[in-house]
Amino acid sequence: MANAIMVISPYWYQGTWVFDDEAVGLNKEPFVAGVPEMIDNLVKAIPNARSGFRLIFSSAPFPGYQRELIWVREEYDGNWYEVEGQQMEGWLCPALLRYFDKAPEKLYVKAQQI
């Protein structure tokens, strides 16, 4: 999946951001441990983002990406990433490996209004 651009549509559910992706067997998969705050920061300019938004992500830079996430360490079968240039860190659970063979050194993300 090198250089592939992927899209999910996170939304707010029971106090956190979650997403569904039937193609990889995920339903209401929650973002936890710092990632909800990272998402809040990413979508602050999107009206009604909690009703759902489009999150584009890739392990390679793409035109218009908004944030670069840098791999920090592995912990509990998941991976910690920090936001380049910001004091924000978040843990992505093993569901990340449904999109990549191994945790990428960098992730590039962009949020768009649906």
N, C-alpha and C. Protein backbone atom coordinates (compact mmCIF):
# COMPACT_ATOMS: atom_id res chain seq x y z
N MET A 1 0.82 -1.21 0.00
CA MET A 1 0.00 0.00 0.00
C MET A 1 0.85 1.27 0.00
N ALA A 2 2.08 1.18 -0.41
CA ALA A 2 2.95 2.35 -0.40
C ALA A 2 2.35 3.47 -1.23
N ASN A 3 2.40 4.67 -0.69
CA ASN A 3 1.93 5.88 -1.35
C ASN A 3 0.42 5.92 -1.59
N ALA A 4 -0.31 5.00 -1.01
CA ALA A 4 -1.76 5.02 -1.16
C ALA A 4 -2.35 6.12 -0.28
N ILE A 5 -3.38 6.76 -0.78
CA ILE A 5 -4.12 7.74 0.01
C ILE A 5 -5.41 7.08 0.46
N MET A 6 -5.67 7.13 1.75
CA MET A 6 -6.85 6.49 2.31
C MET A 6 -7.77 7.54 2.91
N VAL A 7 -9.05 7.19 3.02
CA VAL A 7 -10.05 8.12 3.53
C VAL A 7 -10.95 7.39 4.52
N ILE A 8 -11.16 8.01 5.68
CA ILE A 8 -12.16 7.55 6.64
C ILE A 8 -13.03 8.76 7.00
N SER A 9 -14.14 8.51 7.65
CA SER A 9 -15.05 9.60 8.03
C SER A 9 -15.35 9.54 9.53
N PRO A 10 -14.46 10.10 10.34
CA PRO A 10 -14.70 10.11 11.79
C PRO A 10 -15.91 10.96 12.17
N TYR A 11 -16.51 10.62 13.31
CA TYR A 11 -17.63 11.37 13.88
C TYR A 11 -17.59 11.19 15.39
N TRP A 12 -18.31 12.06 16.09
CA TRP A 12 -18.33 12.07 17.55
C TRP A 12 -19.39 11.10 18.04
N TYR A 13 -19.01 10.21 18.96
CA TYR A 13 -19.95 9.20 19.46
C TYR A 13 -19.58 8.86 20.90
N GLN A 14 -20.52 9.00 21.81
CA GLN A 14 -20.34 8.66 23.23
C GLN A 14 -19.05 9.23 23.82
N GLY A 15 -18.79 10.51 23.52
CA GLY A 15 -17.70 11.21 24.18
C GLY A 15 -16.34 11.12 23.53
N THR A 16 -16.25 10.54 22.34
CA THR A 16 -14.96 10.51 21.65
C THR A 16 -15.17 10.40 20.15
N TRP A 17 -14.09 10.60 19.40
CA TRP A 17 -14.12 10.42 17.96
C TRP A 17 -14.03 8.93 17.64
N VAL A 18 -14.85 8.49 16.70
CA VAL A 18 -14.84 7.10 16.23
C VAL A 18 -14.95 7.11 14.71
N PHE A 19 -14.74 5.94 14.11
CA PHE A 19 -14.98 5.81 12.67
C PHE A 19 -15.38 4.39 12.34
N ASP A 20 -16.04 4.24 11.23
CA ASP A 20 -16.44 2.94 10.71
C ASP A 20 -15.70 2.71 9.40
N ASP A 21 -15.25 1.51 9.16
CA ASP A 21 -14.66 1.15 7.87
C ASP A 21 -14.95 -0.32 7.62
N GLU A 22 -16.07 -0.55 6.97
CA GLU A 22 -16.52 -1.91 6.71
C GLU A 22 -15.47 -2.71 5.93
N ALA A 23 -14.73 -2.05 5.05
CA ALA A 23 -13.74 -2.73 4.21
C ALA A 23 -12.65 -3.42 5.03
N VAL A 24 -12.34 -2.91 6.22
CA VAL A 24 -11.32 -3.53 7.06
C VAL A 24 -11.91 -4.06 8.38
N GLY A 25 -13.24 -4.14 8.45
CA GLY A 25 -13.89 -4.76 9.60
C GLY A 25 -13.95 -3.92 10.86
N LEU A 26 -14.02 -2.61 10.73
CA LEU A 26 -14.08 -1.75 11.91
C LEU A 26 -15.43 -1.05 12.00
N ASN A 27 -15.98 -1.01 13.22
CA ASN A 27 -17.25 -0.35 13.48
C ASN A 27 -17.14 0.43 14.79
N LYS A 28 -17.38 1.74 14.71
CA LYS A 28 -17.25 2.62 15.88
C LYS A 28 -15.90 2.44 16.57
N GLU A 29 -14.85 2.35 15.77
CA GLU A 29 -13.49 2.21 16.28
C GLU A 29 -13.09 3.55 16.92
N PRO A 30 -12.80 3.55 18.24
CA PRO A 30 -12.52 4.82 18.90
C PRO A 30 -11.08 5.29 18.74
N PHE A 31 -10.92 6.60 18.73
CA PHE A 31 -9.61 7.22 18.86
C PHE A 31 -9.45 7.53 20.34
N VAL A 32 -8.29 7.22 20.91
CA VAL A 32 -8.06 7.38 22.34
C VAL A 32 -6.67 7.99 22.58
N ALA A 33 -6.34 8.21 23.83
CA ALA A 33 -4.99 8.56 24.30
C ALA A 33 -4.32 9.68 23.50
N GLY A 34 -4.93 10.86 23.54
CA GLY A 34 -4.33 12.02 22.90
C GLY A 34 -4.80 12.28 21.48
N VAL A 35 -5.27 11.26 20.79
CA VAL A 35 -5.71 11.45 19.40
C VAL A 35 -6.99 12.28 19.31
N PRO A 36 -7.97 12.14 20.22
CA PRO A 36 -9.13 13.03 20.14
C PRO A 36 -8.74 14.52 20.18
N GLU A 37 -7.77 14.86 21.01
CA GLU A 37 -7.31 16.24 21.08
C GLU A 37 -6.62 16.66 19.78
N MET A 38 -5.88 15.74 19.18
CA MET A 38 -5.24 16.02 17.90
C MET A 38 -6.31 16.27 16.83
N ILE A 39 -7.36 15.48 16.85
CA ILE A 39 -8.46 15.65 15.88
C ILE A 39 -9.17 16.97 16.13
N ASP A 40 -9.47 17.29 17.39
CA ASP A 40 -10.11 18.58 17.71
C ASP A 40 -9.32 19.73 17.11
N ASN A 41 -8.01 19.68 17.25
CA ASN A 41 -7.14 20.73 16.72
C ASN A 41 -7.19 20.76 15.18
N LEU A 42 -7.23 19.60 14.57
CA LEU A 42 -7.23 19.49 13.11
C LEU A 42 -8.53 20.02 12.49
N VAL A 43 -9.65 19.81 13.18
CA VAL A 43 -10.97 20.15 12.58
C VAL A 43 -11.56 21.46 13.09
N LYS A 44 -10.79 22.26 13.83
CA LYS A 44 -11.38 23.44 14.46
C LYS A 44 -12.01 24.41 13.46
N ALA A 45 -11.59 24.40 12.20
CA ALA A 45 -12.17 25.30 11.19
C ALA A 45 -13.33 24.66 10.41
N ILE A 46 -13.67 23.41 10.73
CA ILE A 46 -14.74 22.72 10.01
C ILE A 46 -16.04 22.83 10.82
N PRO A 47 -17.05 23.50 10.26
CA PRO A 47 -18.32 23.62 10.98
C PRO A 47 -18.96 22.23 11.19
N ASN A 48 -19.50 22.02 12.38
CA ASN A 48 -20.19 20.77 12.71
C ASN A 48 -19.36 19.52 12.45
N ALA A 49 -18.07 19.60 12.67
CA ALA A 49 -17.18 18.45 12.41
C ALA A 49 -17.61 17.21 13.20
N ARG A 50 -18.19 17.42 14.38
CA ARG A 50 -18.58 16.26 15.19
C ARG A 50 -19.69 15.44 14.54
N SER A 51 -20.38 16.01 13.58
CA SER A 51 -21.39 15.24 12.83
C SER A 51 -20.72 14.36 11.77
N GLY A 52 -19.44 14.58 11.55
CA GLY A 52 -18.69 13.78 10.59
C GLY A 52 -17.87 14.66 9.67
N PHE A 53 -16.68 14.20 9.35
CA PHE A 53 -15.81 14.89 8.41
C PHE A 53 -14.99 13.83 7.68
N ARG A 54 -14.33 14.25 6.63
CA ARG A 54 -13.49 13.35 5.85
C ARG A 54 -12.05 13.51 6.32
N LEU A 55 -11.41 12.39 6.68
CA LEU A 55 -10.01 12.40 7.08
C LEU A 55 -9.20 11.64 6.04
N ILE A 56 -8.34 12.36 5.36
CA ILE A 56 -7.49 11.78 4.33
C ILE A 56 -6.13 11.53 4.97
N PHE A 57 -5.56 10.34 4.76
CA PHE A 57 -4.26 10.05 5.35
C PHE A 57 -3.42 9.16 4.45
N SER A 58 -2.11 9.29 4.61
CA SER A 58 -1.16 8.54 3.80
C SER A 58 0.18 8.48 4.52
N SER A 59 0.99 7.52 4.13
CA SER A 59 2.35 7.44 4.67
C SER A 59 3.31 8.27 3.82
N ALA A 60 2.80 8.91 2.77
CA ALA A 60 3.61 9.78 1.92
C ALA A 60 2.94 11.15 1.83
N PRO A 61 3.71 12.20 1.70
CA PRO A 61 3.11 13.53 1.57
C PRO A 61 2.21 13.60 0.33
N PHE A 62 1.16 14.39 0.42
CA PHE A 62 0.26 14.60 -0.71
C PHE A 62 -0.14 16.07 -0.72
N PRO A 63 -0.54 16.61 -1.88
CA PRO A 63 -0.87 18.03 -1.98
C PRO A 63 -1.95 18.44 -0.97
N GLY A 64 -1.65 19.47 -0.21
CA GLY A 64 -2.63 20.02 0.72
C GLY A 64 -2.69 19.36 2.09
N TYR A 65 -1.78 18.42 2.39
CA TYR A 65 -1.86 17.80 3.72
C TYR A 65 -1.70 18.90 4.77
N GLN A 66 -2.35 18.69 5.94
CA GLN A 66 -2.34 19.70 7.00
C GLN A 66 -1.37 19.41 8.13
N ARG A 67 -1.17 18.15 8.43
CA ARG A 67 -0.30 17.79 9.55
C ARG A 67 0.59 16.61 9.16
N GLU A 68 1.80 16.65 9.71
CA GLU A 68 2.73 15.54 9.59
C GLU A 68 2.85 14.92 10.98
N LEU A 69 2.57 13.65 11.07
CA LEU A 69 2.69 12.93 12.34
C LEU A 69 3.94 12.07 12.27
N ILE A 70 4.74 12.12 13.31
CA ILE A 70 6.02 11.42 13.33
C ILE A 70 5.97 10.31 14.37
N TRP A 71 6.35 9.10 13.94
CA TRP A 71 6.36 7.95 14.84
C TRP A 71 7.33 8.19 15.98
N VAL A 72 6.89 7.86 17.20
CA VAL A 72 7.71 8.07 18.39
C VAL A 72 8.14 6.74 18.99
N ARG A 73 7.17 5.85 19.25
CA ARG A 73 7.49 4.57 19.88
C ARG A 73 6.29 3.64 19.80
N GLU A 74 6.55 2.36 20.01
CA GLU A 74 5.49 1.37 20.08
C GLU A 74 5.16 1.13 21.55
N GLU A 75 3.86 0.88 21.83
CA GLU A 75 3.46 0.55 23.19
C GLU A 75 2.12 -0.18 23.13
N TYR A 76 2.01 -1.29 23.83
CA TYR A 76 0.77 -2.07 23.91
C TYR A 76 0.20 -2.38 22.52
N ASP A 77 1.04 -2.85 21.62
CA ASP A 77 0.64 -3.22 20.25
C ASP A 77 0.17 -2.04 19.41
N GLY A 78 0.22 -0.85 19.95
CA GLY A 78 -0.12 0.36 19.20
C GLY A 78 1.12 1.22 19.02
N ASN A 79 0.92 2.40 18.47
CA ASN A 79 2.05 3.26 18.16
C ASN A 79 1.74 4.71 18.52
N TRP A 80 2.71 5.36 19.15
CA TRP A 80 2.61 6.77 19.51
C TRP A 80 3.16 7.62 18.38
N TYR A 81 2.44 8.69 18.07
CA TYR A 81 2.86 9.67 17.06
C TYR A 81 2.79 11.06 17.68
N GLU A 82 3.69 11.94 17.23
CA GLU A 82 3.62 13.33 17.64
C GLU A 82 3.36 14.19 16.42
N VAL A 83 2.70 15.30 16.64
CA VAL A 83 2.41 16.24 15.57
C VAL A 83 3.64 17.11 15.36
N GLU A 84 4.14 17.12 14.14
CA GLU A 84 5.32 17.94 13.80
C GLU A 84 5.06 19.39 14.18
N GLY A 85 5.97 19.98 14.95
CA GLY A 85 5.89 21.39 15.30
C GLY A 85 4.91 21.73 16.41
N GLN A 86 4.28 20.74 17.01
CA GLN A 86 3.33 20.99 18.10
C GLN A 86 3.63 20.06 19.26
N GLN A 87 3.22 20.46 20.44
CA GLN A 87 3.41 19.63 21.62
C GLN A 87 2.19 18.72 21.81
N MET A 88 1.92 17.90 20.79
CA MET A 88 0.78 16.98 20.86
C MET A 88 1.27 15.58 20.51
N GLU A 89 0.80 14.61 21.28
CA GLU A 89 1.18 13.23 21.04
C GLU A 89 -0.06 12.36 21.22
N GLY A 90 -0.19 11.34 20.39
CA GLY A 90 -1.35 10.45 20.49
C GLY A 90 -1.00 9.03 20.12
N TRP A 91 -1.77 8.10 20.66
CA TRP A 91 -1.55 6.66 20.46
C TRP A 91 -2.56 6.13 19.46
N LEU A 92 -2.06 5.50 18.42
CA LEU A 92 -2.93 4.85 17.44
C LEU A 92 -2.91 3.36 17.71
N CYS A 93 -4.10 2.79 17.89
CA CYS A 93 -4.23 1.38 18.27
C CYS A 93 -3.84 0.45 17.11
N PRO A 94 -3.82 -0.86 17.36
CA PRO A 94 -3.42 -1.81 16.32
C PRO A 94 -4.28 -1.77 15.05
N ALA A 95 -5.43 -1.09 15.09
CA ALA A 95 -6.24 -0.94 13.87
C ALA A 95 -5.44 -0.25 12.77
N LEU A 96 -4.41 0.52 13.14
CA LEU A 96 -3.54 1.16 12.15
C LEU A 96 -2.98 0.12 11.17
N LEU A 97 -2.73 -1.09 11.68
CA LEU A 97 -2.13 -2.14 10.85
C LEU A 97 -3.13 -2.77 9.89
N ARG A 98 -4.38 -2.34 9.93
CA ARG A 98 -5.33 -2.75 8.90
C ARG A 98 -5.14 -1.91 7.64
N TYR A 99 -4.38 -0.84 7.76
CA TYR A 99 -4.11 0.06 6.63
C TYR A 99 -2.67 -0.01 6.14
N PHE A 100 -1.76 -0.41 7.03
CA PHE A 100 -0.34 -0.46 6.70
C PHE A 100 0.25 -1.78 7.18
N ASP A 101 1.24 -2.30 6.47
CA ASP A 101 1.91 -3.54 6.88
C ASP A 101 2.63 -3.38 8.20
N LYS A 102 3.20 -2.18 8.41
CA LYS A 102 3.84 -1.85 9.68
C LYS A 102 3.59 -0.37 9.93
N ALA A 103 3.77 0.06 11.15
CA ALA A 103 3.52 1.47 11.49
C ALA A 103 4.46 2.35 10.68
N PRO A 104 3.91 3.28 9.91
CA PRO A 104 4.76 4.17 9.11
C PRO A 104 5.58 5.11 9.99
N GLU A 105 6.76 5.48 9.49
CA GLU A 105 7.60 6.44 10.19
C GLU A 105 6.90 7.80 10.27
N LYS A 106 6.11 8.13 9.23
CA LYS A 106 5.38 9.38 9.21
C LYS A 106 3.99 9.13 8.64
N LEU A 107 3.03 9.90 9.12
CA LEU A 107 1.68 9.90 8.57
C LEU A 107 1.35 11.34 8.20
N TYR A 108 0.71 11.51 7.08
CA TYR A 108 0.29 12.84 6.61
C TYR A 108 -1.22 12.85 6.59
N VAL A 109 -1.83 13.89 7.15
CA VAL A 109 -3.29 13.92 7.29
C VAL A 109 -3.88 15.26 6.84
N LYS A 110 -5.14 15.17 6.43
CA LYS A 110 -5.90 16.35 6.07
C LYS A 110 -7.36 16.10 6.42
N ALA A 111 -8.01 17.10 7.02
CA ALA A 111 -9.43 17.01 7.34
C ALA A 111 -10.20 17.88 6.35
N GLN A 112 -11.34 17.37 5.87
CA GLN A 112 -12.20 18.12 4.97
C GLN A 112 -13.64 17.99 5.43
N GLN A 113 -14.40 19.03 5.16
CA GLN A 113 -15.83 19.00 5.43
C GLN A 113 -16.48 18.03 4.45
N ILE A 114 -17.45 17.28 4.93
CA ILE A 114 -18.18 16.35 4.05
C ILE A 114 -19.22 17.11 3.27
